[in-house]
Amino acid sequence: MTEVRIGDLRHRVRIEARQRLPDDGGGARETWSLLDEVWAAIEPAGGAERVDADQLSGGVTHLIRMRAGGPAVQLDMRIVWGGRKFEIRSVIDVGERKQWTEISAEEREL
């Protein structure tokens, strides 16, 4: 990881957790609840193509870096920045020092 400077944390992002709420039909519906809003650095990391349901689709991965110490970010959460949504693929405690968190995420239409 390249060194993160405070000035790099210029994107205000939302960390959201998935919740399943019961519906009237005996099933459940999925909603997202806000856990925290933090400053983060976001940069594109790469792209890929894949076949989903016999259709070619693409995705762009991003690295999202933020200070550690907020809620523990997990794979079943998402990051929201403006109208963009990022599905979390991996979470790394940089240097195992609990100072910086680096998230690999894919921008998705969730």
PDB file of N, CA and C in Angstrom:
ATOM      1  N   MET A   1       0.845  -1.184   0.000  1.00  0.00           N
ATOM      2  CA  MET A   1       0.000   0.000   0.000  1.00  0.00           C
ATOM      3  C   MET A   1       0.881   1.235   0.000  1.00  0.00           C
ATOM      4  N   THR A   2       0.508   2.179  -0.833  1.00  0.00           N
ATOM      5  CA  THR A   2       1.205   3.448  -0.780  1.00  0.00           C
ATOM      6  C   THR A   2       0.747   4.193   0.462  1.00  0.00           C
ATOM      7  N   GLU A   3       1.591   5.055   0.939  1.00  0.00           N
ATOM      8  CA  GLU A   3       1.268   5.782   2.164  1.00  0.00           C
ATOM      9  C   GLU A   3       0.055   6.678   1.954  1.00  0.00           C
ATOM     10  N   VAL A   4      -0.848   6.656   2.914  1.00  0.00           N
ATOM     11  CA  VAL A   4      -2.047   7.495   2.853  1.00  0.00           C
ATOM     12  C   VAL A   4      -1.789   8.745   3.669  1.00  0.00           C
ATOM     13  N   ARG A   5      -2.090   9.887   3.068  1.00  0.00           N
ATOM     14  CA  ARG A   5      -1.987  11.154   3.785  1.00  0.00           C
ATOM     15  C   ARG A   5      -3.391  11.645   4.090  1.00  0.00           C
ATOM     16  N   ILE A   6      -3.517  12.431   5.112  1.00  0.00           N
ATOM     17  CA  ILE A   6      -4.828  12.933   5.520  1.00  0.00           C
ATOM     18  C   ILE A   6      -5.528  13.626   4.352  1.00  0.00           C
ATOM     19  N   GLY A   7      -4.798  14.351   3.537  1.00  0.00           N
ATOM     20  CA  GLY A   7      -5.393  15.046   2.397  1.00  0.00           C
ATOM     21  C   GLY A   7      -5.981  14.108   1.355  1.00  0.00           C
ATOM     22  N   ASP A   8      -5.552  12.833   1.356  1.00  0.00           N
ATOM     23  CA  ASP A   8      -6.104  11.851   0.421  1.00  0.00           C
ATOM     24  C   ASP A   8      -7.530  11.435   0.813  1.00  0.00           C
ATOM     25  N   LEU A   9      -7.888  11.621   2.067  1.00  0.00           N
ATOM     26  CA  LEU A   9      -9.207  11.209   2.566  1.00  0.00           C
ATOM     27  C   LEU A   9     -10.226  12.309   2.257  1.00  0.00           C
ATOM     28  N   ARG A  10     -10.583  12.445   0.989  1.00  0.00           N
ATOM     29  CA  ARG A  10     -11.442  13.548   0.563  1.00  0.00           C
ATOM     30  C   ARG A  10     -12.838  13.114   0.121  1.00  0.00           C
ATOM     31  N   HIS A  11     -13.139  11.833   0.260  1.00  0.00           N
ATOM     32  CA  HIS A  11     -14.454  11.328  -0.125  1.00  0.00           C
ATOM     33  C   HIS A  11     -15.235  10.955   1.134  1.00  0.00           C
ATOM     34  N   ARG A  12     -16.387  11.561   1.316  1.00  0.00           N
ATOM     35  CA  ARG A  12     -17.237  11.229   2.465  1.00  0.00           C
ATOM     36  C   ARG A  12     -18.089  10.032   2.058  1.00  0.00           C
ATOM     37  N   VAL A  13     -17.874   8.893   2.702  1.00  0.00           N
ATOM     38  CA  VAL A  13     -18.575   7.666   2.327  1.00  0.00           C
ATOM     39  C   VAL A  13     -19.438   7.161   3.477  1.00  0.00           C
ATOM     40  N   ARG A  14     -20.427   6.374   3.108  1.00  0.00           N
ATOM     41  CA  ARG A  14     -21.312   5.734   4.087  1.00  0.00           C
ATOM     42  C   ARG A  14     -20.950   4.254   4.161  1.00  0.00           C
ATOM     43  N   ILE A  15     -20.869   3.723   5.370  1.00  0.00           N
ATOM     44  CA  ILE A  15     -20.710   2.290   5.568  1.00  0.00           C
ATOM     45  C   ILE A  15     -22.088   1.776   5.959  1.00  0.00           C
ATOM     46  N   GLU A  16     -22.615   0.853   5.152  1.00  0.00           N
ATOM     47  CA  GLU A  16     -23.970   0.351   5.382  1.00  0.00           C
ATOM     48  C   GLU A  16     -23.961  -1.155   5.612  1.00  0.00           C
ATOM     49  N   ALA A  17     -24.866  -1.605   6.489  1.00  0.00           N
ATOM     50  CA  ALA A  17     -25.016  -3.027   6.791  1.00  0.00           C
ATOM     51  C   ALA A  17     -26.344  -3.523   6.230  1.00  0.00           C
ATOM     52  N   ARG A  18     -26.317  -4.741   5.741  1.00  0.00           N
ATOM     53  CA  ARG A  18     -27.525  -5.372   5.183  1.00  0.00           C
ATOM     54  C   ARG A  18     -28.417  -5.871   6.316  1.00  0.00           C
ATOM     55  N   GLN A  19     -29.711  -5.652   6.160  1.00  0.00           N
ATOM     56  CA  GLN A  19     -30.685  -6.159   7.123  1.00  0.00           C
ATOM     57  C   GLN A  19     -31.801  -6.848   6.364  1.00  0.00           C
ATOM     58  N   ARG A  20     -32.302  -7.917   6.948  1.00  0.00           N
ATOM     59  CA  ARG A  20     -33.463  -8.614   6.367  1.00  0.00           C
ATOM     60  C   ARG A  20     -34.642  -8.400   7.298  1.00  0.00           C
ATOM     61  N   LEU A  21     -35.684  -7.773   6.767  1.00  0.00           N
ATOM     62  CA  LEU A  21     -36.878  -7.474   7.551  1.00  0.00           C
ATOM     63  C   LEU A  21     -38.031  -8.337   7.060  1.00  0.00           C
ATOM     64  N   PRO A  22     -38.809  -8.898   7.975  1.00  0.00           N
ATOM     65  CA  PRO A  22     -39.944  -9.734   7.556  1.00  0.00           C
ATOM     66  C   PRO A  22     -40.973  -8.902   6.789  1.00  0.00           C
ATOM     67  N   ASP A  23     -41.569  -9.549   5.780  1.00  0.00           N
ATOM     68  CA  ASP A  23     -42.635  -8.869   5.047  1.00  0.00           C
ATOM     69  C   ASP A  23     -43.977  -9.532   5.372  1.00  0.00           C
ATOM     70  N   ASP A  24     -45.051  -9.022   4.813  1.00  0.00           N
ATOM     71  CA  ASP A  24     -46.388  -9.524   5.120  1.00  0.00           C
ATOM     72  C   ASP A  24     -46.654 -10.903   4.517  1.00  0.00           C
ATOM     73  N   GLY A  25     -45.834 -11.338   3.586  1.00  0.00           N
ATOM     74  CA  GLY A  25     -46.057 -12.629   2.921  1.00  0.00           C
ATOM     75  C   GLY A  25     -45.309 -13.779   3.564  1.00  0.00           C
ATOM     76  N   GLY A  26     -44.693 -13.565   4.717  1.00  0.00           N
ATOM     77  CA  GLY A  26     -43.951 -14.628   5.386  1.00  0.00           C
ATOM     78  C   GLY A  26     -42.496 -14.718   4.955  1.00  0.00           C
ATOM     79  N   GLY A  27     -42.089 -13.862   4.055  1.00  0.00           N
ATOM     80  CA  GLY A  27     -40.703 -13.837   3.597  1.00  0.00           C
ATOM     81  C   GLY A  27     -39.945 -12.707   4.259  1.00  0.00           C
ATOM     82  N   ALA A  28     -38.954 -12.232   3.576  1.00  0.00           N
ATOM     83  CA  ALA A  28     -38.168 -11.122   4.100  1.00  0.00           C
ATOM     84  C   ALA A  28     -37.737 -10.228   2.949  1.00  0.00           C
ATOM     85  N   ARG A  29     -37.541  -8.979   3.252  1.00  0.00           N
ATOM     86  CA  ARG A  29     -37.011  -8.042   2.254  1.00  0.00           C
ATOM     87  C   ARG A  29     -35.691  -7.499   2.777  1.00  0.00           C
ATOM     88  N   GLU A  30     -34.838  -7.162   1.851  1.00  0.00           N
ATOM     89  CA  GLU A  30     -33.504  -6.687   2.200  1.00  0.00           C
ATOM     90  C   GLU A  30     -33.470  -5.167   2.223  1.00  0.00           C
ATOM     91  N   THR A  31     -32.911  -4.613   3.276  1.00  0.00           N
ATOM     92  CA  THR A  31     -32.716  -3.171   3.370  1.00  0.00           C
ATOM     93  C   THR A  31     -31.289  -2.926   3.844  1.00  0.00           C
ATOM     94  N   TRP A  32     -30.873  -1.683   3.776  1.00  0.00           N
ATOM     95  CA  TRP A  32     -29.527  -1.298   4.215  1.00  0.00           C
ATOM     96  C   TRP A  32     -29.655  -0.219   5.278  1.00  0.00           C
ATOM     97  N   SER A  33     -28.866  -0.342   6.333  1.00  0.00           N
ATOM     98  CA  SER A  33     -28.888   0.664   7.397  1.00  0.00           C
ATOM     99  C   SER A  33     -27.508   1.301   7.538  1.00  0.00           C
ATOM    100  N   LEU A  34     -27.500   2.572   7.838  1.00  0.00           N
ATOM    101  CA  LEU A  34     -26.262   3.324   7.993  1.00  0.00           C
ATOM    102  C   LEU A  34     -25.566   2.935   9.298  1.00  0.00           C
ATOM    103  N   LEU A  35     -24.285   2.554   9.193  1.00  0.00           N
ATOM    104  CA  LEU A  35     -23.481   2.292  10.385  1.00  0.00           C
ATOM    105  C   LEU A  35     -22.632   3.498  10.750  1.00  0.00           C
ATOM    106  N   ASP A  36     -22.051   4.133   9.731  1.00  0.00           N
ATOM    107  CA  ASP A  36     -21.158   5.257   9.990  1.00  0.00           C
ATOM    108  C   ASP A  36     -20.911   6.012   8.693  1.00  0.00           C
ATOM    109  N   GLU A  37     -20.507   7.265   8.823  1.00  0.00           N
ATOM    110  CA  GLU A  37     -20.011   8.054   7.695  1.00  0.00           C
ATOM    111  C   GLU A  37     -18.585   8.429   8.028  1.00  0.00           C
ATOM    112  N   VAL A  38     -17.664   8.168   7.101  1.00  0.00           N
ATOM    113  CA  VAL A  38     -16.247   8.412   7.344  1.00  0.00           C
ATOM    114  C   VAL A  38     -15.623   9.047   6.104  1.00  0.00           C
ATOM    115  N   TRP A  39     -14.439   9.620   6.302  1.00  0.00           N
ATOM    116  CA  TRP A  39     -13.652  10.140   5.189  1.00  0.00           C
ATOM    117  C   TRP A  39     -12.780   9.010   4.664  1.00  0.00           C
ATOM    118  N   ALA A  40     -12.680   8.910   3.325  1.00  0.00           N
ATOM    119  CA  ALA A  40     -11.932   7.815   2.713  1.00  0.00           C
ATOM    120  C   ALA A  40     -11.234   8.291   1.448  1.00  0.00           C
ATOM    121  N   ALA A  41     -10.241   7.525   1.039  1.00  0.00           N
ATOM    122  CA  ALA A  41      -9.587   7.708  -0.259  1.00  0.00           C
ATOM    123  C   ALA A  41     -10.113   6.610  -1.172  1.00  0.00           C
ATOM    124  N   ILE A  42     -10.539   6.971  -2.371  1.00  0.00           N
ATOM    125  CA  ILE A  42     -11.070   5.997  -3.326  1.00  0.00           C
ATOM    126  C   ILE A  42     -10.292   6.135  -4.621  1.00  0.00           C
ATOM    127  N   GLU A  43      -9.804   4.993  -5.134  1.00  0.00           N
ATOM    128  CA  GLU A  43      -9.128   5.030  -6.429  1.00  0.00           C
ATOM    129  C   GLU A  43      -9.425   3.756  -7.212  1.00  0.00           C
ATOM    130  N   PRO A  44      -9.628   3.884  -8.524  1.00  0.00           N
ATOM    131  CA  PRO A  44      -9.860   2.697  -9.345  1.00  0.00           C
ATOM    132  C   PRO A  44      -8.632   1.791  -9.311  1.00  0.00           C
ATOM    133  N   ALA A  45      -8.877   0.474  -9.291  1.00  0.00           N
ATOM    134  CA  ALA A  45      -7.770  -0.473  -9.235  1.00  0.00           C
ATOM    135  C   ALA A  45      -7.703  -1.366 -10.467  1.00  0.00           C
ATOM    136  N   GLY A  46      -8.808  -1.534 -11.160  1.00  0.00           N
ATOM    137  CA  GLY A  46      -8.802  -2.395 -12.344  1.00  0.00           C
ATOM    138  C   GLY A  46     -10.206  -2.689 -12.799  1.00  0.00           C
ATOM    139  N   GLY A  47     -10.284  -3.443 -13.883  1.00  0.00           N
ATOM    140  CA  GLY A  47     -11.586  -3.813 -14.417  1.00  0.00           C
ATOM    141  C   GLY A  47     -11.561  -5.240 -14.918  1.00  0.00           C
ATOM    142  N   ALA A  48     -12.730  -5.809 -15.106  1.00  0.00           N
ATOM    143  CA  ALA A  48     -12.832  -7.186 -15.585  1.00  0.00           C
ATOM    144  C   ALA A  48     -14.158  -7.377 -16.296  1.00  0.00           C
ATOM    145  N   GLU A  49     -14.175  -8.363 -17.177  1.00  0.00           N
ATOM    146  CA  GLU A  49     -15.408  -8.751 -17.846  1.00  0.00           C
ATOM    147  C   GLU A  49     -15.767 -10.154 -17.397  1.00  0.00           C
ATOM    148  N   ARG A  50     -17.046 -10.439 -17.354  1.00  0.00           N
ATOM    149  CA  ARG A  50     -17.499 -11.783 -17.005  1.00  0.00           C
ATOM    150  C   ARG A  50     -18.843 -12.027 -17.674  1.00  0.00           C
ATOM    151  N   VAL A  51     -19.261 -13.277 -17.660  1.00  0.00           N
ATOM    152  CA  VAL A  51     -20.547 -13.647 -18.231  1.00  0.00           C
ATOM    153  C   VAL A  51     -21.504 -13.912 -17.082  1.00  0.00           C
ATOM    154  N   ASP A  52     -22.602 -13.165 -17.051  1.00  0.00           N
ATOM    155  CA  ASP A  52     -23.671 -13.334 -16.075  1.00  0.00           C
ATOM    156  C   ASP A  52     -24.953 -13.605 -16.844  1.00  0.00           C
ATOM    157  N   ALA A  53     -25.577 -14.748 -16.592  1.00  0.00           N
ATOM    158  CA  ALA A  53     -26.839 -15.111 -17.241  1.00  0.00           C
ATOM    159  C   ALA A  53     -26.733 -14.961 -18.763  1.00  0.00           C
ATOM    160  N   ASP A  54     -25.675 -15.512 -19.318  1.00  0.00           N
ATOM    161  CA  ASP A  54     -25.416 -15.503 -20.763  1.00  0.00           C
ATOM    162  C   ASP A  54     -25.258 -14.108 -21.357  1.00  0.00           C
ATOM    163  N   GLN A  55     -24.927 -13.129 -20.513  1.00  0.00           N
ATOM    164  CA  GLN A  55     -24.658 -11.791 -21.005  1.00  0.00           C
ATOM    165  C   GLN A  55     -23.312 -11.336 -20.490  1.00  0.00           C
ATOM    166  N   LEU A  56     -22.581 -10.646 -21.335  1.00  0.00           N
ATOM    167  CA  LEU A  56     -21.284 -10.108 -20.952  1.00  0.00           C
ATOM    168  C   LEU A  56     -21.492  -8.864 -20.095  1.00  0.00           C
ATOM    169  N   SER A  57     -20.837  -8.820 -18.935  1.00  0.00           N
ATOM    170  CA  SER A  57     -20.926  -7.638 -18.082  1.00  0.00           C
ATOM    171  C   SER A  57     -19.540  -7.308 -17.565  1.00  0.00           C
ATOM    172  N   GLY A  58     -19.362  -6.084 -17.179  1.00  0.00           N
ATOM    173  CA  GLY A  58     -18.066  -5.650 -16.690  1.00  0.00           C
ATOM    174  C   GLY A  58     -18.183  -5.053 -15.311  1.00  0.00           C
ATOM    175  N   GLY A  59     -17.064  -4.981 -14.639  1.00  0.00           N
ATOM    176  CA  GLY A  59     -17.030  -4.385 -13.318  1.00  0.00           C
ATOM    177  C   GLY A  59     -15.708  -3.680 -13.105  1.00  0.00           C
ATOM    178  N   VAL A  60     -15.725  -2.665 -12.295  1.00  0.00           N
ATOM    179  CA  VAL A  60     -14.512  -1.927 -11.971  1.00  0.00           C
ATOM    180  C   VAL A  60     -14.251  -2.092 -10.487  1.00  0.00           C
ATOM    181  N   THR A  61     -13.031  -2.514 -10.159  1.00  0.00           N
ATOM    182  CA  THR A  61     -12.670  -2.641  -8.752  1.00  0.00           C
ATOM    183  C   THR A  61     -12.008  -1.347  -8.293  1.00  0.00           C
ATOM    184  N   HIS A  62     -12.162  -1.069  -7.020  1.00  0.00           N
ATOM    185  CA  HIS A  62     -11.595   0.130  -6.412  1.00  0.00           C
ATOM    186  C   HIS A  62     -10.899  -0.235  -5.110  1.00  0.00           C
ATOM    187  N   LEU A  63      -9.907   0.549  -4.749  1.00  0.00           N
ATOM    188  CA  LEU A  63      -9.310   0.473  -3.426  1.00  0.00           C
ATOM    189  C   LEU A  63      -9.875   1.631  -2.622  1.00  0.00           C
ATOM    190  N   ILE A  64     -10.395   1.300  -1.456  1.00  0.00           N
ATOM    191  CA  ILE A  64     -10.958   2.306  -0.564  1.00  0.00           C
ATOM    192  C   ILE A  64     -10.169   2.234   0.731  1.00  0.00           C
ATOM    193  N   ARG A  65      -9.544   3.339   1.105  1.00  0.00           N
ATOM    194  CA  ARG A  65      -8.726   3.374   2.311  1.00  0.00           C
ATOM    195  C   ARG A  65      -9.320   4.357   3.298  1.00  0.00           C
ATOM    196  N   MET A  66      -9.356   3.936   4.561  1.00  0.00           N
ATOM    197  CA  MET A  66      -9.893   4.794   5.613  1.00  0.00           C
ATOM    198  C   MET A  66      -9.166   4.501   6.910  1.00  0.00           C
ATOM    199  N   ARG A  67      -9.290   5.417   7.847  1.00  0.00           N
ATOM    200  CA  ARG A  67      -8.714   5.171   9.169  1.00  0.00           C
ATOM    201  C   ARG A  67      -9.460   4.030   9.834  1.00  0.00           C
ATOM    202  N   ALA A  68      -8.738   3.215  10.564  1.00  0.00           N
ATOM    203  CA  ALA A  68      -9.366   2.159  11.361  1.00  0.00           C
ATOM    204  C   ALA A  68      -9.944   2.809  12.615  1.00  0.00           C
ATOM    205  N   GLY A  69     -10.773   2.072  13.320  1.00  0.00           N
ATOM    206  CA  GLY A  69     -11.302   2.585  14.571  1.00  0.00           C
ATOM    207  C   GLY A  69     -12.794   2.787  14.561  1.00  0.00           C
ATOM    208  N   GLY A  70     -13.401   2.830  13.387  1.00  0.00           N
ATOM    209  CA  GLY A  70     -14.851   2.923  13.312  1.00  0.00           C
ATOM    210  C   GLY A  70     -15.438   1.527  13.428  1.00  0.00           C
ATOM    211  N   PRO A  71     -16.605   1.324  12.835  1.00  0.00           N
ATOM    212  CA  PRO A  71     -17.171  -0.031  12.875  1.00  0.00           C
ATOM    213  C   PRO A  71     -16.287  -0.988  12.088  1.00  0.00           C
ATOM    214  N   ALA A  72     -16.208  -2.220  12.548  1.00  0.00           N
ATOM    215  CA  ALA A  72     -15.412  -3.227  11.846  1.00  0.00           C
ATOM    216  C   ALA A  72     -16.092  -3.540  10.514  1.00  0.00           C
ATOM    217  N   VAL A  73     -15.457  -3.167   9.416  1.00  0.00           N
ATOM    218  CA  VAL A  73     -16.036  -3.382   8.096  1.00  0.00           C
ATOM    219  C   VAL A  73     -15.953  -4.871   7.765  1.00  0.00           C
ATOM    220  N   GLN A  74     -17.058  -5.430   7.255  1.00  0.00           N
ATOM    221  CA  GLN A  74     -17.138  -6.844   6.947  1.00  0.00           C
ATOM    222  C   GLN A  74     -17.612  -7.044   5.515  1.00  0.00           C
ATOM    223  N   LEU A  75     -17.449  -8.263   5.013  1.00  0.00           N
ATOM    224  CA  LEU A  75     -17.766  -8.562   3.621  1.00  0.00           C
ATOM    225  C   LEU A  75     -19.247  -8.434   3.279  1.00  0.00           C
ATOM    226  N   ASP A  76     -20.128  -8.536   4.256  1.00  0.00           N
ATOM    227  CA  ASP A  76     -21.550  -8.432   3.961  1.00  0.00           C
ATOM    228  C   ASP A  76     -22.066  -6.994   4.049  1.00  0.00           C
ATOM    229  N   MET A  77     -21.162  -6.037   4.116  1.00  0.00           N
ATOM    230  CA  MET A  77     -21.522  -4.619   4.139  1.00  0.00           C
ATOM    231  C   MET A  77     -21.259  -4.015   2.768  1.00  0.00           C
ATOM    232  N   ARG A  78     -21.579  -2.737   2.624  1.00  0.00           N
ATOM    233  CA  ARG A  78     -21.255  -2.037   1.394  1.00  0.00           C
ATOM    234  C   ARG A  78     -20.825  -0.616   1.725  1.00  0.00           C
ATOM    235  N   ILE A  79     -20.155  -0.004   0.757  1.00  0.00           N
ATOM    236  CA  ILE A  79     -19.732   1.388   0.845  1.00  0.00           C
ATOM    237  C   ILE A  79     -20.559   2.170  -0.180  1.00  0.00           C
ATOM    238  N   VAL A  80     -21.082   3.314   0.234  1.00  0.00           N
ATOM    239  CA  VAL A  80     -21.859   4.160  -0.667  1.00  0.00           C
ATOM    240  C   VAL A  80     -21.195   5.528  -0.705  1.00  0.00           C
ATOM    241  N   TRP A  81     -20.940   6.003  -1.923  1.00  0.00           N
ATOM    242  CA  TRP A  81     -20.350   7.324  -2.116  1.00  0.00           C
ATOM    243  C   TRP A  81     -21.197   8.038  -3.163  1.00  0.00           C
ATOM    244  N   GLY A  82     -21.918   9.046  -2.732  1.00  0.00           N
ATOM    245  CA  GLY A  82     -22.851   9.718  -3.635  1.00  0.00           C
ATOM    246  C   GLY A  82     -23.896   8.705  -4.085  1.00  0.00           C
ATOM    247  N   GLY A  83     -24.106   8.587  -5.366  1.00  0.00           N
ATOM    248  CA  GLY A  83     -25.042   7.604  -5.904  1.00  0.00           C
ATOM    249  C   GLY A  83     -24.381   6.295  -6.278  1.00  0.00           C
ATOM    250  N   ARG A  84     -23.098   6.137  -5.951  1.00  0.00           N
ATOM    251  CA  ARG A  84     -22.354   4.930  -6.322  1.00  0.00           C
ATOM    252  C   ARG A  84     -22.297   3.956  -5.157  1.00  0.00           C
ATOM    253  N   LYS A  85     -22.420   2.664  -5.477  1.00  0.00           N
ATOM    254  CA  LYS A  85     -22.414   1.620  -4.456  1.00  0.00           C
ATOM    255  C   LYS A  85     -21.276   0.653  -4.730  1.00  0.00           C
ATOM    256  N   PHE A  86     -20.566   0.266  -3.668  1.00  0.00           N
ATOM    257  CA  PHE A  86     -19.405  -0.604  -3.790  1.00  0.00           C
ATOM    258  C   PHE A  86     -19.601  -1.859  -2.940  1.00  0.00           C
ATOM    259  N   GLU A  87     -19.568  -3.010  -3.596  1.00  0.00           N
ATOM    260  CA  GLU A  87     -19.680  -4.301  -2.916  1.00  0.00           C
ATOM    261  C   GLU A  87     -18.287  -4.692  -2.408  1.00  0.00           C
ATOM    262  N   ILE A  88     -18.183  -4.956  -1.136  1.00  0.00           N
ATOM    263  CA  ILE A  88     -16.883  -5.234  -0.507  1.00  0.00           C
ATOM    264  C   ILE A  88     -16.425  -6.635  -0.858  1.00  0.00           C
ATOM    265  N   ARG A  89     -15.192  -6.756  -1.357  1.00  0.00           N
ATOM    266  CA  ARG A  89     -14.587  -8.041  -1.725  1.00  0.00           C
ATOM    267  C   ARG A  89     -13.563  -8.511  -0.697  1.00  0.00           C
ATOM    268  N   SER A  90     -12.811  -7.566  -0.106  1.00  0.00           N
ATOM    269  CA  SER A  90     -11.836  -7.937   0.931  1.00  0.00           C
ATOM    270  C   SER A  90     -11.588  -6.732   1.824  1.00  0.00           C
ATOM    271  N   VAL A  91     -11.197  -7.026   3.072  1.00  0.00           N
ATOM    272  CA  VAL A  91     -10.891  -5.997   4.058  1.00  0.00           C
ATOM    273  C   VAL A  91      -9.552  -6.355   4.682  1.00  0.00           C
ATOM    274  N   ILE A  92      -8.610  -5.411   4.657  1.00  0.00           N
ATOM    275  CA  ILE A  92      -7.267  -5.662   5.176  1.00  0.00           C
ATOM    276  C   ILE A  92      -6.924  -4.630   6.239  1.00  0.00           C
ATOM    277  N   ASP A  93      -6.433  -5.106   7.370  1.00  0.00           N
ATOM    278  CA  ASP A  93      -5.855  -4.245   8.405  1.00  0.00           C
ATOM    279  C   ASP A  93      -4.400  -4.029   7.990  1.00  0.00           C
ATOM    280  N   VAL A  94      -4.120  -2.884   7.398  1.00  0.00           N
ATOM    281  CA  VAL A  94      -2.798  -2.617   6.821  1.00  0.00           C
ATOM    282  C   VAL A  94      -1.725  -2.676   7.904  1.00  0.00           C
ATOM    283  N   GLY A  95      -0.756  -3.549   7.711  1.00  0.00           N
ATOM    284  CA  GLY A  95       0.349  -3.683   8.653  1.00  0.00           C
ATOM    285  C   GLY A  95      -0.044  -4.327   9.973  1.00  0.00           C
ATOM    286  N   GLU A  96      -1.286  -4.814  10.064  1.00  0.00           N
ATOM    287  CA  GLU A  96      -1.776  -5.418  11.315  1.00  0.00           C
ATOM    288  C   GLU A  96      -1.568  -4.481  12.509  1.00  0.00           C
ATOM    289  N   ARG A  97      -1.802  -3.169  12.270  1.00  0.00           N
ATOM    290  CA  ARG A  97      -1.554  -2.175  13.316  1.00  0.00           C
ATOM    291  C   ARG A  97      -2.821  -1.448  13.748  1.00  0.00           C
ATOM    292  N   LYS A  98      -3.966  -1.798  13.158  1.00  0.00           N
ATOM    293  CA  LYS A  98      -5.254  -1.177  13.498  1.00  0.00           C
ATOM    294  C   LYS A  98      -5.243   0.350  13.346  1.00  0.00           C
ATOM    295  N   GLN A  99      -4.507   0.807  12.306  1.00  0.00           N
ATOM    296  CA  GLN A  99      -4.471   2.242  12.009  1.00  0.00           C
ATOM    297  C   GLN A  99      -5.201   2.562  10.716  1.00  0.00           C
ATOM    298  N   TRP A 100      -4.992   1.730   9.680  1.00  0.00           N
ATOM    299  CA  TRP A 100      -5.600   1.948   8.374  1.00  0.00           C
ATOM    300  C   TRP A 100      -6.314   0.685   7.922  1.00  0.00           C
ATOM    301  N   THR A 101      -7.453   0.871   7.284  1.00  0.00           N
ATOM    302  CA  THR A 101      -8.196  -0.235   6.684  1.00  0.00           C
ATOM    303  C   THR A 101      -8.186  -0.031   5.178  1.00  0.00           C
ATOM    304  N   GLU A 102      -7.850  -1.097   4.445  1.00  0.00           N
ATOM    305  CA  GLU A 102      -7.873  -1.050   2.987  1.00  0.00           C
ATOM    306  C   GLU A 102      -8.914  -2.049   2.499  1.00  0.00           C
ATOM    307  N   ILE A 103      -9.845  -1.556   1.709  1.00  0.00           N
ATOM    308  CA  ILE A 103     -10.966  -2.357   1.214  1.00  0.00           C
ATOM    309  C   ILE A 103     -10.861  -2.475  -0.301  1.00  0.00           C
ATOM    310  N   SER A 104     -10.948  -3.697  -0.782  1.00  0.00           N
ATOM    311  CA  SER A 104     -11.092  -3.923  -2.208  1.00  0.00           C
ATOM    312  C   SER A 104     -12.582  -4.088  -2.466  1.00  0.00           C
ATOM    313  N   ALA A 105     -13.110  -3.292  -3.388  1.00  0.00           N
ATOM    314  CA  ALA A 105     -14.554  -3.301  -3.630  1.00  0.00           C
ATOM    315  C   ALA A 105     -14.832  -3.190  -5.110  1.00  0.00           C
ATOM    316  N   GLU A 106     -15.982  -3.723  -5.514  1.00  0.00           N
ATOM    317  CA  GLU A 106     -16.397  -3.636  -6.895  1.00  0.00           C
ATOM    318  C   GLU A 106     -17.637  -2.764  -6.987  1.00  0.00           C
ATOM    319  N   GLU A 107     -17.589  -1.806  -7.898  1.00  0.00           N
ATOM    320  CA  GLU A 107     -18.749  -0.937  -8.090  1.00  0.00           C
ATOM    321  C   GLU A 107     -19.858  -1.748  -8.749  1.00  0.00           C
ATOM    322  N   ARG A 108     -21.022  -1.718  -8.135  1.00  0.00           N
ATOM    323  CA  ARG A 108     -22.133  -2.535  -8.581  1.00  0.00           C
ATOM    324  C   ARG A 108     -23.426  -1.732  -8.602  1.00  0.00           C
ATOM    325  N   GLU A 109     -24.354  -2.248  -9.375  1.00  0.00           N
ATOM    326  CA  GLU A 109     -25.734  -1.744  -9.331  1.00  0.00           C
ATOM    327  C   GLU A 109     -26.446  -2.633  -8.343  1.00  0.00           C
ATOM    328  N   LEU A 110     -26.393  -2.277  -7.063  1.00  0.00           N
ATOM    329  CA  LEU A 110     -26.977  -3.121  -6.016  1.00  0.00           C
ATOM    330  C   LEU A 110     -28.376  -2.677  -5.683  1.00  0.00           C
TER     331      LEU A 110
END
